Amino acid sequence: MKIVVCIGSSCHLKGSKDVVERLHALVQENGLQDKVDLGGTFCMGKCQQGVCVTCDGEFFSVSPDTVDEFFQKNVLSRIA
């Protein structure tokens, strides 16, 4: 599974650093290092909807407050 988080300026201001750090921690906590490829990219072109995240190409708007819910619904449920 490939997860890409926008780290462009608009998403950065909306907390992309916190989203990346939390996703990294959740991947580690769940022992998914071999199953999840976590990366970053610059602008995805949907700045109003940031923090922009794609999971296997599907777009999501995630915030530091919703990252745990995103991980449960869109990562763990697809891998388990």
N, C-alpha and C. Protein backbone atom coordinates (compact mmCIF):
# COMPACT_ATOMS: atom_id res chain seq x y z
N MET A 1 0.84 -1.17 0.00
CA MET A 1 0.00 0.00 0.00
C MET A 1 0.89 1.24 0.00
N LYS A 2 0.53 2.20 -0.85
CA LYS A 2 1.31 3.44 -0.93
C LYS A 2 0.47 4.60 -0.42
N ILE A 3 0.98 5.30 0.59
CA ILE A 3 0.34 6.50 1.13
C ILE A 3 1.26 7.67 0.85
N VAL A 4 0.70 8.71 0.22
CA VAL A 4 1.46 9.90 -0.10
C VAL A 4 0.78 11.11 0.55
N VAL A 5 1.55 11.89 1.27
CA VAL A 5 1.04 13.07 1.96
C VAL A 5 1.64 14.31 1.31
N CYS A 6 0.79 15.29 1.01
CA CYS A 6 1.27 16.55 0.46
C CYS A 6 2.02 17.32 1.54
N ILE A 7 3.20 17.80 1.19
CA ILE A 7 3.99 18.61 2.12
C ILE A 7 4.24 20.00 1.54
N GLY A 8 3.39 20.38 0.58
CA GLY A 8 3.46 21.72 0.00
C GLY A 8 3.08 22.77 1.03
N SER A 9 3.26 24.03 0.69
CA SER A 9 3.10 25.10 1.68
C SER A 9 1.70 25.18 2.28
N SER A 10 0.66 25.04 1.48
CA SER A 10 -0.70 25.13 2.01
C SER A 10 -0.99 23.98 2.97
N CYS A 11 -0.65 22.77 2.57
CA CYS A 11 -0.87 21.61 3.44
C CYS A 11 0.04 21.66 4.66
N HIS A 12 1.24 22.18 4.49
CA HIS A 12 2.15 22.32 5.63
C HIS A 12 1.51 23.21 6.70
N LEU A 13 0.92 24.31 6.25
CA LEU A 13 0.27 25.23 7.19
C LEU A 13 -0.93 24.58 7.88
N LYS A 14 -1.52 23.58 7.24
CA LYS A 14 -2.68 22.89 7.81
C LYS A 14 -2.30 21.67 8.63
N GLY A 15 -1.01 21.40 8.77
CA GLY A 15 -0.56 20.34 9.67
C GLY A 15 -0.01 19.09 9.02
N SER A 16 0.47 19.18 7.78
CA SER A 16 0.95 17.97 7.12
C SER A 16 2.11 17.31 7.87
N LYS A 17 2.95 18.10 8.51
CA LYS A 17 4.07 17.53 9.28
C LYS A 17 3.53 16.62 10.39
N ASP A 18 2.51 17.08 11.09
CA ASP A 18 1.91 16.28 12.16
C ASP A 18 1.24 15.03 11.59
N VAL A 19 0.60 15.15 10.43
CA VAL A 19 -0.06 14.01 9.79
C VAL A 19 0.99 12.96 9.42
N VAL A 20 2.09 13.40 8.81
CA VAL A 20 3.16 12.47 8.43
C VAL A 20 3.73 11.77 9.66
N GLU A 21 4.02 12.53 10.70
CA GLU A 21 4.61 11.95 11.90
C GLU A 21 3.67 10.94 12.55
N ARG A 22 2.38 11.25 12.59
CA ARG A 22 1.41 10.34 13.20
C ARG A 22 1.24 9.07 12.35
N LEU A 23 1.16 9.24 11.02
CA LEU A 23 1.05 8.07 10.14
C LEU A 23 2.28 7.17 10.30
N HIS A 24 3.45 7.77 10.36
CA HIS A 24 4.68 7.00 10.55
C HIS A 24 4.60 6.20 11.86
N ALA A 25 4.17 6.86 12.93
CA ALA A 25 4.05 6.19 14.23
C ALA A 25 3.04 5.05 14.17
N LEU A 26 1.91 5.27 13.50
CA LEU A 26 0.87 4.24 13.41
C LEU A 26 1.35 3.04 12.60
N VAL A 27 2.10 3.30 11.54
CA VAL A 27 2.67 2.21 10.75
C VAL A 27 3.60 1.38 11.62
N GLN A 28 4.45 2.05 12.39
CA GLN A 28 5.39 1.37 13.27
C GLN A 28 4.66 0.57 14.36
N GLU A 29 3.68 1.22 15.02
CA GLU A 29 2.95 0.59 16.12
C GLU A 29 2.22 -0.67 15.67
N ASN A 30 1.78 -0.67 14.42
CA ASN A 30 1.02 -1.81 13.90
C ASN A 30 1.88 -2.80 13.13
N GLY A 31 3.20 -2.58 13.12
CA GLY A 31 4.13 -3.50 12.46
C GLY A 31 3.90 -3.62 10.96
N LEU A 32 3.56 -2.51 10.32
CA LEU A 32 3.22 -2.54 8.90
C LEU A 32 4.32 -1.97 8.00
N GLN A 33 5.55 -1.91 8.51
CA GLN A 33 6.65 -1.33 7.75
C GLN A 33 6.83 -2.02 6.40
N ASP A 34 6.56 -3.31 6.32
CA ASP A 34 6.75 -4.06 5.08
C ASP A 34 5.54 -3.96 4.15
N LYS A 35 4.43 -3.43 4.66
CA LYS A 35 3.20 -3.38 3.87
C LYS A 35 2.79 -1.98 3.45
N VAL A 36 3.32 -0.97 4.13
CA VAL A 36 2.93 0.41 3.84
C VAL A 36 4.16 1.22 3.44
N ASP A 37 4.05 1.86 2.28
CA ASP A 37 5.10 2.77 1.79
C ASP A 37 4.57 4.18 2.00
N LEU A 38 5.15 4.90 2.97
CA LEU A 38 4.72 6.25 3.31
C LEU A 38 5.67 7.25 2.67
N GLY A 39 5.12 8.18 1.87
CA GLY A 39 5.96 9.15 1.20
C GLY A 39 5.32 10.52 1.20
N GLY A 40 6.05 11.47 0.66
CA GLY A 40 5.57 12.84 0.57
C GLY A 40 5.70 13.36 -0.85
N THR A 41 4.94 14.39 -1.14
CA THR A 41 5.00 15.04 -2.44
C THR A 41 4.64 16.50 -2.25
N PHE A 42 4.97 17.30 -3.26
CA PHE A 42 4.53 18.68 -3.21
C PHE A 42 3.18 18.80 -3.88
N CYS A 43 2.63 19.94 -3.92
CA CYS A 43 1.24 20.25 -4.26
C CYS A 43 0.51 19.20 -5.12
N MET A 44 -0.63 18.78 -4.61
CA MET A 44 -1.51 17.85 -5.33
C MET A 44 -2.62 18.60 -6.07
N GLY A 45 -2.62 19.93 -5.94
CA GLY A 45 -3.58 20.75 -6.67
C GLY A 45 -4.95 20.88 -6.02
N LYS A 46 -5.08 20.44 -4.80
CA LYS A 46 -6.36 20.53 -4.09
C LYS A 46 -6.14 21.25 -2.75
N CYS A 47 -5.48 22.39 -2.83
CA CYS A 47 -5.02 23.10 -1.63
C CYS A 47 -6.15 23.43 -0.65
N GLN A 48 -7.33 23.74 -1.16
CA GLN A 48 -8.45 24.08 -0.27
C GLN A 48 -8.89 22.89 0.56
N GLN A 49 -8.57 21.67 0.12
CA GLN A 49 -9.03 20.47 0.79
C GLN A 49 -7.97 19.84 1.69
N GLY A 50 -6.80 20.47 1.79
CA GLY A 50 -5.68 19.86 2.52
C GLY A 50 -5.96 19.62 3.98
N VAL A 51 -5.19 18.79 4.60
CA VAL A 51 -3.98 18.13 4.16
C VAL A 51 -4.36 17.01 3.17
N CYS A 52 -3.77 17.09 1.98
CA CYS A 52 -4.08 16.13 0.93
C CYS A 52 -3.27 14.84 1.11
N VAL A 53 -3.98 13.72 1.06
CA VAL A 53 -3.36 12.41 1.22
C VAL A 53 -3.95 11.48 0.17
N THR A 54 -3.10 10.68 -0.46
CA THR A 54 -3.61 9.62 -1.31
C THR A 54 -3.21 8.27 -0.71
N CYS A 55 -4.13 7.34 -0.84
CA CYS A 55 -3.90 5.97 -0.38
C CYS A 55 -4.17 5.08 -1.58
N ASP A 56 -3.10 4.51 -2.14
CA ASP A 56 -3.20 3.73 -3.38
C ASP A 56 -3.93 4.51 -4.46
N GLY A 57 -3.63 5.82 -4.54
CA GLY A 57 -4.18 6.67 -5.59
C GLY A 57 -5.51 7.31 -5.27
N GLU A 58 -6.18 6.89 -4.20
CA GLU A 58 -7.47 7.47 -3.83
C GLU A 58 -7.23 8.68 -2.93
N PHE A 59 -7.90 9.81 -3.25
CA PHE A 59 -7.68 11.06 -2.53
C PHE A 59 -8.48 11.13 -1.24
N PHE A 60 -7.82 11.69 -0.20
CA PHE A 60 -8.47 11.94 1.08
C PHE A 60 -8.01 13.30 1.61
N SER A 61 -8.88 13.95 2.36
CA SER A 61 -8.51 15.15 3.09
C SER A 61 -8.37 14.74 4.55
N VAL A 62 -7.17 14.91 5.10
CA VAL A 62 -6.87 14.45 6.45
C VAL A 62 -6.33 15.63 7.25
N SER A 63 -6.62 15.66 8.53
CA SER A 63 -6.06 16.68 9.41
C SER A 63 -5.38 15.98 10.57
N PRO A 64 -4.59 16.72 11.34
CA PRO A 64 -3.99 16.08 12.51
C PRO A 64 -5.04 15.48 13.45
N ASP A 65 -6.25 16.05 13.45
CA ASP A 65 -7.32 15.54 14.31
C ASP A 65 -7.99 14.29 13.75
N THR A 66 -7.90 14.05 12.45
CA THR A 66 -8.61 12.92 11.84
C THR A 66 -7.67 11.81 11.35
N VAL A 67 -6.38 11.97 11.58
CA VAL A 67 -5.41 11.01 11.02
C VAL A 67 -5.60 9.60 11.59
N ASP A 68 -5.92 9.47 12.87
CA ASP A 68 -6.12 8.15 13.45
C ASP A 68 -7.33 7.46 12.82
N GLU A 69 -8.41 8.21 12.65
CA GLU A 69 -9.62 7.66 12.02
C GLU A 69 -9.32 7.27 10.57
N PHE A 70 -8.60 8.12 9.85
CA PHE A 70 -8.20 7.80 8.47
C PHE A 70 -7.42 6.49 8.43
N PHE A 71 -6.47 6.33 9.34
CA PHE A 71 -5.64 5.13 9.37
C PHE A 71 -6.48 3.88 9.62
N GLN A 72 -7.39 3.96 10.58
CA GLN A 72 -8.26 2.82 10.89
C GLN A 72 -9.12 2.43 9.70
N LYS A 73 -9.78 3.42 9.10
CA LYS A 73 -10.75 3.16 8.03
C LYS A 73 -10.11 2.81 6.70
N ASN A 74 -8.98 3.42 6.39
CA ASN A 74 -8.44 3.33 5.04
C ASN A 74 -7.14 2.57 4.92
N VAL A 75 -6.50 2.28 6.03
CA VAL A 75 -5.25 1.51 5.98
C VAL A 75 -5.45 0.16 6.62
N LEU A 76 -5.75 0.15 7.92
CA LEU A 76 -5.89 -1.14 8.61
C LEU A 76 -6.99 -2.00 8.00
N SER A 77 -8.10 -1.39 7.64
CA SER A 77 -9.22 -2.18 7.10
C SER A 77 -8.87 -2.80 5.75
N ARG A 78 -7.98 -2.18 4.99
CA ARG A 78 -7.60 -2.71 3.68
C ARG A 78 -6.50 -3.75 3.77
N ILE A 79 -5.71 -3.68 4.81
CA ILE A 79 -4.57 -4.60 4.95
C ILE A 79 -4.98 -5.86 5.71
N ALA A 80 -5.83 -5.66 6.72
CA ALA A 80 -6.22 -6.79 7.59
C ALA A 80 -7.14 -7.78 6.91
